[in-house]
Amino acid sequence: MVPRILGRQSGVLQGKEALARFFAEGGRRRPNELVRWHRNETYLWDGRHLSWEYLRAAPDGDQVDIAEVMELSGRYIIAHRIYWGWFGTEMLIAHAVAHAQRA
């Protein structure tokens, strides 16, 4: 999503400023109401890796289904990855096709 949202080749971001720019622009361009961030209290932590899911079924209806995985060192995020479920992936594809057709 980084190349798409920020208009750049690399999907790797480094530093607080780059992350802040990505989250601000991503939030501003949120494709639809299914992009919410409800998750339950369940997470996995092994002292270095932290992960959790945003399940499709949320208390107020469907949402995009993703899983986040972070690698941490002390209080710093070393790596952060998001894996999209089938519902979210289909939504991304439809959004990209619609955008390409308008261009």
N, C-alpha and C. Protein backbone atom coordinates (compact mmCIF):
# COMPACT_ATOMS: atom_id res chain seq x y z
N MET A 1 0.81 -1.20 0.00
CA MET A 1 0.00 0.00 0.00
C MET A 1 0.85 1.26 0.00
N VAL A 2 2.07 1.17 0.53
CA VAL A 2 2.92 2.37 0.60
C VAL A 2 3.15 2.98 -0.79
N PRO A 3 3.56 2.18 -1.79
CA PRO A 3 3.77 2.78 -3.11
C PRO A 3 2.50 3.44 -3.66
N ARG A 4 1.37 2.82 -3.44
CA ARG A 4 0.10 3.34 -3.96
C ARG A 4 -0.30 4.64 -3.26
N ILE A 5 -0.19 4.66 -1.95
CA ILE A 5 -0.65 5.82 -1.18
C ILE A 5 0.31 6.99 -1.31
N LEU A 6 1.62 6.71 -1.30
CA LEU A 6 2.60 7.79 -1.32
C LEU A 6 3.20 8.06 -2.70
N GLY A 7 2.81 7.26 -3.72
CA GLY A 7 3.29 7.49 -5.07
C GLY A 7 4.79 7.30 -5.22
N ARG A 8 5.31 6.21 -4.68
CA ARG A 8 6.74 5.93 -4.75
C ARG A 8 6.97 4.46 -5.09
N GLN A 9 8.16 4.12 -5.49
CA GLN A 9 8.48 2.75 -5.89
C GLN A 9 8.59 1.79 -4.72
N SER A 10 9.27 2.19 -3.68
CA SER A 10 9.55 1.30 -2.55
C SER A 10 8.37 1.26 -1.57
N GLY A 11 8.15 0.09 -1.02
CA GLY A 11 7.13 -0.07 0.01
C GLY A 11 7.69 0.01 1.41
N VAL A 12 8.97 0.33 1.53
CA VAL A 12 9.63 0.38 2.83
C VAL A 12 9.64 1.81 3.35
N LEU A 13 9.18 1.99 4.58
CA LEU A 13 9.23 3.29 5.24
C LEU A 13 10.19 3.22 6.41
N GLN A 14 10.90 4.30 6.66
CA GLN A 14 11.81 4.36 7.80
C GLN A 14 11.63 5.70 8.49
N GLY A 15 11.49 5.65 9.80
CA GLY A 15 11.42 6.87 10.59
C GLY A 15 10.01 7.34 10.87
N LYS A 16 9.90 8.11 11.94
CA LYS A 16 8.60 8.61 12.40
C LYS A 16 7.93 9.52 11.38
N GLU A 17 8.69 10.38 10.73
CA GLU A 17 8.09 11.31 9.77
C GLU A 17 7.47 10.57 8.59
N ALA A 18 8.17 9.57 8.08
CA ALA A 18 7.66 8.79 6.94
C ALA A 18 6.40 8.03 7.35
N LEU A 19 6.41 7.44 8.53
CA LEU A 19 5.24 6.72 9.02
C LEU A 19 4.06 7.67 9.24
N ALA A 20 4.31 8.82 9.82
CA ALA A 20 3.24 9.79 10.06
C ALA A 20 2.62 10.24 8.74
N ARG A 21 3.44 10.50 7.74
CA ARG A 21 2.93 10.91 6.42
C ARG A 21 2.06 9.81 5.81
N PHE A 22 2.53 8.56 5.91
CA PHE A 22 1.77 7.43 5.37
C PHE A 22 0.42 7.30 6.07
N PHE A 23 0.40 7.32 7.40
CA PHE A 23 -0.86 7.15 8.12
C PHE A 23 -1.81 8.32 7.88
N ALA A 24 -1.29 9.52 7.81
CA ALA A 24 -2.15 10.69 7.55
C ALA A 24 -2.78 10.59 6.17
N GLU A 25 -1.99 10.29 5.15
CA GLU A 25 -2.51 10.21 3.79
C GLU A 25 -3.41 9.00 3.63
N GLY A 26 -3.03 7.87 4.22
CA GLY A 26 -3.86 6.67 4.14
C GLY A 26 -5.22 6.88 4.80
N GLY A 27 -5.24 7.56 5.94
CA GLY A 27 -6.50 7.86 6.61
C GLY A 27 -7.37 8.81 5.81
N ARG A 28 -6.73 9.77 5.18
CA ARG A 28 -7.47 10.74 4.37
C ARG A 28 -8.10 10.08 3.15
N ARG A 29 -7.41 9.11 2.57
CA ARG A 29 -7.88 8.46 1.33
C ARG A 29 -8.56 7.12 1.59
N ARG A 30 -9.01 6.90 2.78
CA ARG A 30 -9.66 5.64 3.13
C ARG A 30 -10.73 5.31 2.09
N PRO A 31 -10.64 4.13 1.46
CA PRO A 31 -11.52 3.84 0.32
C PRO A 31 -13.00 3.71 0.66
N ASN A 32 -13.35 3.23 1.84
CA ASN A 32 -14.78 3.11 2.16
C ASN A 32 -14.97 2.83 3.65
N GLU A 33 -16.23 2.69 4.02
CA GLU A 33 -16.56 2.52 5.44
C GLU A 33 -16.15 1.17 6.00
N LEU A 34 -15.73 0.23 5.16
CA LEU A 34 -15.29 -1.07 5.67
C LEU A 34 -13.86 -1.04 6.21
N VAL A 35 -13.17 0.07 6.01
CA VAL A 35 -11.82 0.21 6.57
C VAL A 35 -11.97 0.81 7.96
N ARG A 36 -12.11 -0.09 8.92
CA ARG A 36 -12.19 0.28 10.33
C ARG A 36 -11.11 -0.51 11.04
N TRP A 37 -10.96 -0.32 12.29
CA TRP A 37 -9.86 -0.99 12.99
C TRP A 37 -10.31 -1.64 14.29
N HIS A 38 -11.42 -2.38 14.25
CA HIS A 38 -11.85 -3.10 15.45
C HIS A 38 -11.08 -4.40 15.58
N ARG A 39 -10.56 -4.65 16.75
CA ARG A 39 -9.96 -5.95 17.05
C ARG A 39 -10.30 -6.30 18.48
N ASN A 40 -10.29 -7.60 18.77
CA ASN A 40 -10.57 -8.01 20.14
C ASN A 40 -9.27 -7.94 20.95
N GLU A 41 -9.30 -8.45 22.16
CA GLU A 41 -8.14 -8.35 23.05
C GLU A 41 -7.11 -9.46 22.83
N THR A 42 -7.33 -10.32 21.84
CA THR A 42 -6.42 -11.44 21.60
C THR A 42 -5.23 -11.00 20.76
N TYR A 43 -4.04 -11.32 21.23
CA TYR A 43 -2.82 -11.05 20.47
C TYR A 43 -1.78 -12.10 20.83
N LEU A 44 -0.75 -12.19 20.02
CA LEU A 44 0.36 -13.11 20.25
C LEU A 44 1.63 -12.30 20.47
N TRP A 45 2.39 -12.65 21.48
CA TRP A 45 3.63 -11.94 21.83
C TRP A 45 4.65 -12.96 22.32
N ASP A 46 5.82 -12.98 21.69
CA ASP A 46 6.86 -13.91 22.13
C ASP A 46 8.09 -13.19 22.68
N GLY A 47 7.97 -11.93 22.99
CA GLY A 47 9.08 -11.14 23.50
C GLY A 47 9.79 -10.35 22.41
N ARG A 48 9.52 -10.67 21.16
CA ARG A 48 10.10 -9.95 20.03
C ARG A 48 9.08 -9.69 18.93
N HIS A 49 8.12 -10.59 18.75
CA HIS A 49 7.11 -10.47 17.70
C HIS A 49 5.73 -10.30 18.33
N LEU A 50 4.98 -9.34 17.79
CA LEU A 50 3.63 -9.04 18.24
C LEU A 50 2.70 -9.15 17.05
N SER A 51 1.59 -9.86 17.20
CA SER A 51 0.65 -9.97 16.09
C SER A 51 -0.78 -10.04 16.61
N TRP A 52 -1.72 -9.57 15.75
CA TRP A 52 -3.14 -9.64 16.03
C TRP A 52 -3.91 -9.55 14.73
N GLU A 53 -5.21 -9.84 14.83
CA GLU A 53 -6.07 -9.81 13.65
C GLU A 53 -7.19 -8.78 13.81
N TYR A 54 -7.61 -8.26 12.67
CA TYR A 54 -8.83 -7.50 12.56
C TYR A 54 -9.78 -8.41 11.78
N LEU A 55 -10.65 -9.10 12.50
CA LEU A 55 -11.53 -10.06 11.87
C LEU A 55 -12.60 -9.37 11.04
N ARG A 56 -13.05 -10.04 9.99
CA ARG A 56 -14.06 -9.46 9.12
C ARG A 56 -15.33 -9.11 9.90
N ALA A 57 -15.78 -10.01 10.76
CA ALA A 57 -17.00 -9.77 11.53
C ALA A 57 -16.65 -8.92 12.76
N ALA A 58 -17.14 -7.69 12.76
CA ALA A 58 -16.94 -6.77 13.89
C ALA A 58 -18.30 -6.51 14.54
N PRO A 59 -18.32 -5.97 15.76
CA PRO A 59 -19.60 -5.74 16.44
C PRO A 59 -20.59 -4.87 15.66
N ASP A 60 -20.09 -3.95 14.86
CA ASP A 60 -20.98 -3.07 14.11
C ASP A 60 -21.05 -3.43 12.63
N GLY A 61 -20.73 -4.68 12.28
CA GLY A 61 -20.83 -5.14 10.90
C GLY A 61 -19.48 -5.55 10.33
N ASP A 62 -19.48 -5.87 9.04
CA ASP A 62 -18.24 -6.32 8.38
C ASP A 62 -17.20 -5.20 8.32
N GLN A 63 -15.94 -5.63 8.32
CA GLN A 63 -14.83 -4.71 8.11
C GLN A 63 -13.77 -5.44 7.29
N VAL A 64 -12.77 -4.72 6.84
CA VAL A 64 -11.66 -5.32 6.12
C VAL A 64 -10.94 -6.29 7.05
N ASP A 65 -10.60 -7.45 6.53
CA ASP A 65 -9.92 -8.48 7.32
C ASP A 65 -8.42 -8.44 7.06
N ILE A 66 -7.66 -8.13 8.10
CA ILE A 66 -6.19 -8.10 7.98
C ILE A 66 -5.57 -8.68 9.24
N ALA A 67 -4.31 -9.03 9.12
CA ALA A 67 -3.50 -9.43 10.27
C ALA A 67 -2.24 -8.57 10.26
N GLU A 68 -1.83 -8.12 11.43
CA GLU A 68 -0.62 -7.31 11.56
C GLU A 68 0.43 -8.10 12.33
N VAL A 69 1.66 -7.98 11.89
CA VAL A 69 2.79 -8.61 12.57
C VAL A 69 3.88 -7.55 12.71
N MET A 70 4.36 -7.40 13.93
CA MET A 70 5.44 -6.45 14.19
C MET A 70 6.60 -7.16 14.84
N GLU A 71 7.79 -6.77 14.45
CA GLU A 71 9.02 -7.21 15.10
C GLU A 71 9.53 -6.02 15.90
N LEU A 72 9.77 -6.23 17.19
CA LEU A 72 10.18 -5.13 18.06
C LEU A 72 11.55 -5.39 18.67
N SER A 73 12.24 -4.32 18.94
CA SER A 73 13.49 -4.35 19.68
C SER A 73 13.38 -3.26 20.73
N GLY A 74 13.20 -3.66 21.99
CA GLY A 74 12.94 -2.68 23.03
C GLY A 74 11.61 -2.01 22.74
N ARG A 75 11.61 -0.69 22.68
CA ARG A 75 10.37 0.03 22.39
C ARG A 75 10.26 0.46 20.93
N TYR A 76 11.12 -0.07 20.08
CA TYR A 76 11.14 0.31 18.67
C TYR A 76 10.58 -0.79 17.77
N ILE A 77 9.81 -0.38 16.77
CA ILE A 77 9.32 -1.31 15.76
C ILE A 77 10.42 -1.45 14.70
N ILE A 78 10.91 -2.66 14.55
CA ILE A 78 11.96 -2.95 13.57
C ILE A 78 11.34 -3.26 12.20
N ALA A 79 10.24 -3.99 12.22
CA ALA A 79 9.54 -4.34 10.97
C ALA A 79 8.06 -4.43 11.28
N HIS A 80 7.24 -4.06 10.30
CA HIS A 80 5.79 -4.10 10.45
C HIS A 80 5.21 -4.59 9.14
N ARG A 81 4.41 -5.65 9.21
CA ARG A 81 3.81 -6.21 8.01
C ARG A 81 2.31 -6.36 8.22
N ILE A 82 1.56 -6.16 7.15
CA ILE A 82 0.12 -6.36 7.17
C ILE A 82 -0.22 -7.38 6.09
N TYR A 83 -1.01 -8.38 6.48
CA TYR A 83 -1.46 -9.41 5.56
C TYR A 83 -2.97 -9.28 5.39
N TRP A 84 -3.40 -9.13 4.14
CA TRP A 84 -4.80 -8.93 3.84
C TRP A 84 -5.49 -10.26 3.63
N GLY A 85 -6.70 -10.39 4.18
CA GLY A 85 -7.53 -11.56 3.95
C GLY A 85 -8.23 -11.47 2.60
N TRP A 86 -8.99 -12.50 2.27
CA TRP A 86 -9.62 -12.53 0.94
C TRP A 86 -10.59 -11.37 0.74
N PHE A 87 -11.35 -11.01 1.77
CA PHE A 87 -12.32 -9.93 1.64
C PHE A 87 -11.63 -8.60 1.38
N GLY A 88 -10.60 -8.30 2.16
CA GLY A 88 -9.84 -7.06 1.97
C GLY A 88 -9.12 -7.02 0.63
N THR A 89 -8.58 -8.16 0.23
CA THR A 89 -7.87 -8.22 -1.05
C THR A 89 -8.83 -7.94 -2.21
N GLU A 90 -10.01 -8.54 -2.17
CA GLU A 90 -11.00 -8.28 -3.21
C GLU A 90 -11.40 -6.81 -3.25
N MET A 91 -11.52 -6.18 -2.07
CA MET A 91 -11.87 -4.77 -2.01
C MET A 91 -10.75 -3.92 -2.63
N LEU A 92 -9.49 -4.25 -2.33
CA LEU A 92 -8.36 -3.52 -2.90
C LEU A 92 -8.33 -3.64 -4.42
N ILE A 93 -8.57 -4.84 -4.92
CA ILE A 93 -8.56 -5.06 -6.37
C ILE A 93 -9.67 -4.23 -7.03
N ALA A 94 -10.86 -4.27 -6.48
CA ALA A 94 -11.98 -3.51 -7.05
C ALA A 94 -11.69 -2.01 -7.03
N HIS A 95 -11.10 -1.53 -5.95
CA HIS A 95 -10.75 -0.11 -5.84
C HIS A 95 -9.69 0.27 -6.89
N ALA A 96 -8.68 -0.59 -7.07
CA ALA A 96 -7.63 -0.31 -8.04
C ALA A 96 -8.17 -0.32 -9.47
N VAL A 97 -9.06 -1.26 -9.79
CA VAL A 97 -9.65 -1.33 -11.12
C VAL A 97 -10.48 -0.08 -11.39
N ALA A 98 -11.28 0.33 -10.43
CA ALA A 98 -12.11 1.53 -10.60
C ALA A 98 -11.23 2.76 -10.80
N HIS A 99 -10.15 2.85 -10.05
CA HIS A 99 -9.23 3.99 -10.18
C HIS A 99 -8.56 3.99 -11.56
N ALA A 100 -8.15 2.81 -12.03
CA ALA A 100 -7.51 2.71 -13.35
C ALA A 100 -8.48 3.09 -14.47
N GLN A 101 -9.74 2.74 -14.32
CA GLN A 101 -10.73 3.06 -15.35
C GLN A 101 -11.01 4.56 -15.42
N ARG A 102 -10.87 5.26 -14.28
CA ARG A 102 -11.07 6.71 -14.26
C ARG A 102 -9.88 7.46 -14.85
N ALA A 103 -8.71 6.81 -14.81
CA ALA A 103 -7.46 7.47 -15.27
C ALA A 103 -7.35 7.50 -16.78
